[in-house]
N, C-alpha and C. Protein backbone atom coordinates (compact mmCIF):
# COMPACT_ATOMS: atom_id res chain seq x y z
N MET A 1 0.84 -1.17 0.00
CA MET A 1 0.00 0.00 0.00
C MET A 1 0.89 1.25 0.00
N ALA A 2 0.57 2.17 -0.87
CA ALA A 2 1.33 3.42 -0.97
C ALA A 2 1.00 4.33 0.20
N ALA A 3 2.00 5.09 0.60
CA ALA A 3 1.79 6.07 1.67
C ALA A 3 0.86 7.17 1.18
N PRO A 4 0.05 7.72 2.08
CA PRO A 4 -0.84 8.80 1.65
C PRO A 4 -0.04 10.05 1.29
N VAL A 5 -0.57 10.80 0.36
CA VAL A 5 0.06 12.04 -0.06
C VAL A 5 -0.56 13.18 0.73
N LEU A 6 0.28 13.94 1.39
CA LEU A 6 -0.18 15.10 2.15
C LEU A 6 -0.11 16.31 1.23
N ARG A 7 -1.25 16.68 0.66
CA ARG A 7 -1.31 17.70 -0.38
C ARG A 7 -0.68 19.03 0.02
N ASP A 8 -0.88 19.45 1.25
CA ASP A 8 -0.31 20.73 1.68
C ASP A 8 1.22 20.70 1.66
N ILE A 9 1.78 19.59 2.05
CA ILE A 9 3.24 19.46 2.05
C ILE A 9 3.76 19.39 0.63
N VAL A 10 3.09 18.64 -0.22
CA VAL A 10 3.52 18.53 -1.61
C VAL A 10 3.37 19.89 -2.31
N ARG A 11 2.30 20.60 -2.02
CA ARG A 11 2.13 21.94 -2.57
C ARG A 11 3.27 22.85 -2.14
N ARG A 12 3.68 22.72 -0.90
CA ARG A 12 4.81 23.52 -0.39
C ARG A 12 6.10 23.17 -1.14
N HIS A 13 6.29 21.88 -1.44
CA HIS A 13 7.45 21.48 -2.24
C HIS A 13 7.42 22.17 -3.61
N ALA A 14 6.24 22.21 -4.22
CA ALA A 14 6.11 22.85 -5.53
C ALA A 14 6.40 24.35 -5.44
N GLU A 15 5.85 24.99 -4.44
CA GLU A 15 6.06 26.44 -4.29
C GLU A 15 7.52 26.77 -3.98
N GLU A 16 8.13 26.01 -3.09
CA GLU A 16 9.52 26.25 -2.74
C GLU A 16 10.45 25.96 -3.91
N SER A 17 10.17 24.91 -4.66
CA SER A 17 10.99 24.59 -5.83
C SER A 17 10.96 25.74 -6.83
N ALA A 18 9.78 26.25 -7.10
CA ALA A 18 9.64 27.35 -8.05
C ALA A 18 10.39 28.58 -7.56
N HIS A 19 10.23 28.89 -6.30
CA HIS A 19 10.90 30.07 -5.73
C HIS A 19 12.42 29.90 -5.76
N LEU A 20 12.90 28.76 -5.33
CA LEU A 20 14.35 28.54 -5.27
C LEU A 20 14.97 28.54 -6.66
N TRP A 21 14.24 28.01 -7.65
CA TRP A 21 14.76 28.07 -9.02
C TRP A 21 14.95 29.53 -9.43
N CYS A 22 13.98 30.36 -9.14
CA CYS A 22 14.07 31.78 -9.52
C CYS A 22 15.23 32.47 -8.81
N VAL A 23 15.43 32.17 -7.54
CA VAL A 23 16.55 32.75 -6.80
C VAL A 23 17.87 32.29 -7.40
N TYR A 24 17.97 30.99 -7.66
CA TYR A 24 19.18 30.40 -8.24
C TYR A 24 19.50 31.01 -9.60
N ASP A 25 18.52 31.03 -10.48
CA ASP A 25 18.75 31.54 -11.83
C ASP A 25 19.06 33.03 -11.81
N TRP A 26 18.34 33.78 -10.98
CA TRP A 26 18.59 35.22 -10.90
C TRP A 26 20.02 35.48 -10.44
N HIS A 27 20.46 34.71 -9.45
CA HIS A 27 21.83 34.91 -8.96
C HIS A 27 22.85 34.60 -10.05
N LEU A 28 22.62 33.56 -10.82
CA LEU A 28 23.56 33.23 -11.89
C LEU A 28 23.61 34.33 -12.96
N LEU A 29 22.47 34.94 -13.21
CA LEU A 29 22.42 36.00 -14.21
C LEU A 29 22.92 37.34 -13.67
N HIS A 30 22.90 37.50 -12.35
CA HIS A 30 23.31 38.76 -11.71
C HIS A 30 24.23 38.47 -10.52
N PRO A 31 25.38 37.88 -10.77
CA PRO A 31 26.23 37.42 -9.65
C PRO A 31 26.73 38.51 -8.72
N ASP A 32 26.80 39.73 -9.19
CA ASP A 32 27.32 40.82 -8.35
C ASP A 32 26.24 41.52 -7.53
N GLU A 33 24.99 41.13 -7.71
CA GLU A 33 23.88 41.80 -7.03
C GLU A 33 23.72 41.36 -5.57
N ASN A 34 24.19 40.18 -5.23
CA ASN A 34 24.04 39.68 -3.87
C ASN A 34 25.38 39.13 -3.39
N PRO A 35 26.21 39.97 -2.79
CA PRO A 35 27.52 39.51 -2.35
C PRO A 35 27.46 38.45 -1.25
N ASP A 36 26.34 38.31 -0.58
CA ASP A 36 26.21 37.30 0.47
C ASP A 36 26.03 35.89 -0.10
N MET A 37 25.72 35.79 -1.39
CA MET A 37 25.51 34.48 -2.00
C MET A 37 26.88 33.91 -2.40
N ASP A 38 27.54 33.36 -1.40
CA ASP A 38 28.85 32.77 -1.66
C ASP A 38 28.65 31.32 -2.11
N GLU A 39 29.75 30.63 -2.34
CA GLU A 39 29.68 29.26 -2.86
C GLU A 39 28.95 28.33 -1.89
N GLU A 40 29.19 28.49 -0.60
CA GLU A 40 28.53 27.63 0.39
C GLU A 40 27.01 27.84 0.38
N ARG A 41 26.58 29.09 0.34
CA ARG A 41 25.14 29.38 0.32
C ARG A 41 24.51 28.89 -0.99
N MET A 42 25.23 29.04 -2.09
CA MET A 42 24.72 28.55 -3.36
C MET A 42 24.57 27.03 -3.33
N ASP A 43 25.54 26.34 -2.76
CA ASP A 43 25.45 24.89 -2.64
C ASP A 43 24.24 24.48 -1.80
N ARG A 44 24.00 25.20 -0.71
CA ARG A 44 22.84 24.89 0.13
C ARG A 44 21.53 25.18 -0.59
N LEU A 45 21.50 26.26 -1.37
CA LEU A 45 20.30 26.58 -2.15
C LEU A 45 20.02 25.46 -3.15
N ILE A 46 21.04 25.00 -3.83
CA ILE A 46 20.88 23.91 -4.80
C ILE A 46 20.42 22.64 -4.11
N GLU A 47 21.00 22.36 -2.95
CA GLU A 47 20.60 21.18 -2.19
C GLU A 47 19.13 21.25 -1.80
N ARG A 48 18.69 22.41 -1.36
CA ARG A 48 17.27 22.59 -1.00
C ARG A 48 16.37 22.45 -2.22
N LEU A 49 16.78 23.04 -3.33
CA LEU A 49 15.99 22.94 -4.57
C LEU A 49 15.85 21.49 -4.98
N ASN A 50 16.95 20.75 -5.00
CA ASN A 50 16.89 19.33 -5.35
C ASN A 50 16.01 18.55 -4.38
N ALA A 51 16.08 18.87 -3.09
CA ALA A 51 15.27 18.16 -2.09
C ALA A 51 13.77 18.41 -2.32
N HIS A 52 13.40 19.65 -2.62
CA HIS A 52 11.98 19.93 -2.89
C HIS A 52 11.52 19.23 -4.16
N LEU A 53 12.36 19.21 -5.18
CA LEU A 53 12.00 18.47 -6.40
C LEU A 53 11.84 16.99 -6.10
N ASP A 54 12.71 16.44 -5.26
CA ASP A 54 12.60 15.04 -4.88
C ASP A 54 11.29 14.78 -4.13
N GLY A 55 10.89 15.73 -3.28
CA GLY A 55 9.62 15.58 -2.58
C GLY A 55 8.45 15.48 -3.54
N LEU A 56 8.50 16.26 -4.59
CA LEU A 56 7.45 16.18 -5.62
C LEU A 56 7.52 14.87 -6.38
N ARG A 57 8.72 14.43 -6.68
CA ARG A 57 8.89 13.17 -7.43
C ARG A 57 8.40 11.99 -6.62
N VAL A 58 8.68 11.99 -5.33
CA VAL A 58 8.23 10.90 -4.47
C VAL A 58 6.70 10.83 -4.44
N ALA A 59 6.06 11.97 -4.54
CA ALA A 59 4.59 12.01 -4.55
C ALA A 59 4.00 11.48 -5.85
N GLY A 60 4.85 11.22 -6.84
CA GLY A 60 4.41 10.61 -8.09
C GLY A 60 3.42 11.47 -8.86
N GLU A 61 2.37 10.83 -9.34
CA GLU A 61 1.36 11.54 -10.14
C GLU A 61 0.72 12.68 -9.36
N ASP A 62 0.52 12.48 -8.07
CA ASP A 62 -0.04 13.56 -7.24
C ASP A 62 0.87 14.77 -7.25
N GLY A 63 2.17 14.56 -7.22
CA GLY A 63 3.13 15.66 -7.28
C GLY A 63 3.02 16.42 -8.58
N GLN A 64 2.84 15.69 -9.68
CA GLN A 64 2.69 16.34 -10.98
C GLN A 64 1.39 17.14 -11.04
N VAL A 65 0.33 16.56 -10.51
CA VAL A 65 -0.97 17.25 -10.52
C VAL A 65 -0.89 18.54 -9.71
N ILE A 66 -0.29 18.47 -8.56
CA ILE A 66 -0.18 19.65 -7.70
C ILE A 66 0.71 20.70 -8.35
N ALA A 67 1.82 20.27 -8.95
CA ALA A 67 2.69 21.21 -9.65
C ALA A 67 1.94 21.87 -10.82
N GLN A 68 1.12 21.12 -11.51
CA GLN A 68 0.33 21.66 -12.61
C GLN A 68 -0.68 22.68 -12.08
N GLU A 69 -1.29 22.38 -10.95
CA GLU A 69 -2.23 23.33 -10.34
C GLU A 69 -1.53 24.64 -9.99
N ARG A 70 -0.31 24.55 -9.47
CA ARG A 70 0.45 25.76 -9.13
C ARG A 70 0.77 26.55 -10.40
N TYR A 71 1.14 25.85 -11.47
CA TYR A 71 1.44 26.53 -12.72
C TYR A 71 0.17 27.17 -13.30
N ASP A 72 -0.94 26.46 -13.21
CA ASP A 72 -2.20 27.01 -13.72
C ASP A 72 -2.57 28.29 -12.97
N ALA A 73 -2.30 28.32 -11.68
CA ALA A 73 -2.60 29.50 -10.87
C ALA A 73 -1.57 30.61 -11.07
N PHE A 74 -0.32 30.23 -11.28
CA PHE A 74 0.79 31.18 -11.43
C PHE A 74 1.67 30.75 -12.60
N PRO A 75 1.27 31.04 -13.84
CA PRO A 75 2.05 30.58 -15.01
C PRO A 75 3.32 31.40 -15.19
N GLU A 76 4.29 31.11 -14.33
CA GLU A 76 5.55 31.84 -14.34
C GLU A 76 6.71 30.87 -14.52
N ALA A 77 7.89 31.42 -14.70
CA ALA A 77 9.07 30.61 -15.02
C ALA A 77 9.37 29.55 -13.96
N GLY A 78 9.29 29.89 -12.69
CA GLY A 78 9.60 28.92 -11.64
C GLY A 78 8.67 27.73 -11.66
N GLU A 79 7.39 28.01 -11.82
CA GLU A 79 6.40 26.93 -11.84
C GLU A 79 6.57 26.06 -13.08
N LEU A 80 6.89 26.68 -14.22
CA LEU A 80 7.13 25.90 -15.43
C LEU A 80 8.40 25.06 -15.30
N PHE A 81 9.42 25.62 -14.68
CA PHE A 81 10.65 24.86 -14.42
C PHE A 81 10.32 23.59 -13.62
N VAL A 82 9.51 23.73 -12.59
CA VAL A 82 9.15 22.58 -11.76
C VAL A 82 8.44 21.52 -12.60
N LEU A 83 7.47 21.94 -13.39
CA LEU A 83 6.76 20.98 -14.25
C LEU A 83 7.73 20.24 -15.17
N ARG A 84 8.65 20.97 -15.74
CA ARG A 84 9.62 20.36 -16.65
C ARG A 84 10.50 19.35 -15.92
N MET A 85 10.90 19.66 -14.70
CA MET A 85 11.75 18.76 -13.93
C MET A 85 11.01 17.51 -13.47
N LEU A 86 9.69 17.53 -13.53
CA LEU A 86 8.91 16.36 -13.12
C LEU A 86 8.60 15.43 -14.29
N GLN A 87 9.02 15.80 -15.49
CA GLN A 87 8.80 14.94 -16.65
C GLN A 87 9.66 13.69 -16.53
N PRO A 88 9.19 12.56 -17.06
CA PRO A 88 9.95 11.30 -16.92
C PRO A 88 11.41 11.40 -17.39
N ALA A 89 11.67 12.13 -18.45
CA ALA A 89 13.04 12.24 -18.96
C ALA A 89 13.95 13.00 -18.00
N ALA A 90 13.38 13.79 -17.10
CA ALA A 90 14.17 14.59 -16.16
C ALA A 90 14.21 13.97 -14.77
N ARG A 91 13.66 12.80 -14.63
CA ARG A 91 13.51 12.17 -13.31
C ARG A 91 14.81 12.13 -12.49
N HIS A 92 15.92 11.85 -13.15
CA HIS A 92 17.18 11.70 -12.42
C HIS A 92 18.08 12.92 -12.54
N LEU A 93 17.59 13.98 -13.15
CA LEU A 93 18.40 15.18 -13.29
C LEU A 93 18.51 15.92 -11.97
N ARG A 94 19.68 16.44 -11.72
CA ARG A 94 19.92 17.31 -10.59
C ARG A 94 20.21 18.70 -11.15
N VAL A 95 20.08 19.71 -10.35
CA VAL A 95 20.27 21.08 -10.83
C VAL A 95 21.66 21.27 -11.43
N HIS A 96 22.67 20.66 -10.84
CA HIS A 96 24.04 20.79 -11.38
C HIS A 96 24.16 20.18 -12.78
N ASP A 97 23.27 19.26 -13.14
CA ASP A 97 23.33 18.57 -14.44
C ASP A 97 22.72 19.39 -15.57
N LEU A 98 22.03 20.45 -15.24
CA LEU A 98 21.24 21.17 -16.24
C LEU A 98 22.10 22.02 -17.17
N ASP A 99 21.69 22.06 -18.42
CA ASP A 99 22.23 23.00 -19.39
C ASP A 99 21.38 24.26 -19.22
N LEU A 100 21.90 25.21 -18.48
CA LEU A 100 21.10 26.38 -18.11
C LEU A 100 20.64 27.19 -19.30
N ASP A 101 21.45 27.27 -20.35
CA ASP A 101 21.01 27.99 -21.54
C ASP A 101 19.81 27.29 -22.17
N ALA A 102 19.83 25.97 -22.20
CA ALA A 102 18.70 25.23 -22.76
C ALA A 102 17.45 25.40 -21.88
N VAL A 103 17.63 25.40 -20.57
CA VAL A 103 16.50 25.59 -19.67
C VAL A 103 15.89 26.97 -19.89
N ARG A 104 16.74 27.99 -19.94
CA ARG A 104 16.23 29.35 -20.15
C ARG A 104 15.55 29.49 -21.51
N ASP A 105 16.12 28.86 -22.55
CA ASP A 105 15.49 28.89 -23.88
C ASP A 105 14.11 28.24 -23.83
N TYR A 106 14.00 27.11 -23.14
CA TYR A 106 12.72 26.42 -23.01
C TYR A 106 11.70 27.32 -22.30
N LEU A 107 12.12 27.90 -21.18
CA LEU A 107 11.20 28.76 -20.43
C LEU A 107 10.78 29.97 -21.26
N ASP A 108 11.73 30.57 -21.97
CA ASP A 108 11.40 31.71 -22.84
C ASP A 108 10.41 31.31 -23.93
N ALA A 109 10.61 30.14 -24.51
CA ALA A 109 9.74 29.69 -25.60
C ALA A 109 8.33 29.36 -25.10
N MET A 110 8.25 28.81 -23.89
CA MET A 110 6.96 28.39 -23.36
C MET A 110 6.20 29.52 -22.66
N LEU A 111 6.90 30.59 -22.33
CA LEU A 111 6.28 31.74 -21.68
C LEU A 111 6.49 32.99 -22.54
N PRO A 112 5.86 33.04 -23.70
CA PRO A 112 6.07 34.19 -24.57
C PRO A 112 5.68 35.49 -23.87
N GLY A 113 6.50 36.49 -24.12
CA GLY A 113 6.24 37.78 -23.53
C GLY A 113 6.79 37.92 -22.13
N GLU A 114 7.25 36.85 -21.52
CA GLU A 114 7.83 36.89 -20.18
C GLU A 114 9.32 37.11 -20.29
N GLU A 115 9.84 37.96 -19.46
CA GLU A 115 11.27 38.22 -19.43
C GLU A 115 11.87 37.39 -18.31
N GLN A 116 12.92 36.61 -18.61
CA GLN A 116 13.49 35.68 -17.65
C GLN A 116 14.65 36.27 -16.87
N THR A 117 14.95 37.54 -17.02
CA THR A 117 16.10 38.11 -16.31
C THR A 117 15.75 38.56 -14.93
């Protein structure tokens, strides 16, 4: 028997993943804007982002449904990033494995009119 899915916790994983992706990507695009974001803090941010994505993955189909609900309510880059990371082909990807230019191109293409900077 599968463990029950706690929707509020899974929703929090989706929200935190989206937020952390935006913080991570913004810092990479603007490295001089936040001098406190040193290598150790960046590593912890990535670790947290991966952990929240794992929480969604563990929830299986329910995680995908909840992530889709978040995107439907807030169709922004972070929420779309989360949906993309939950696709079967991305199941084992970690943030360090990503081709960031390809991710940004995907987000730009799927969110026309949205600026990703």
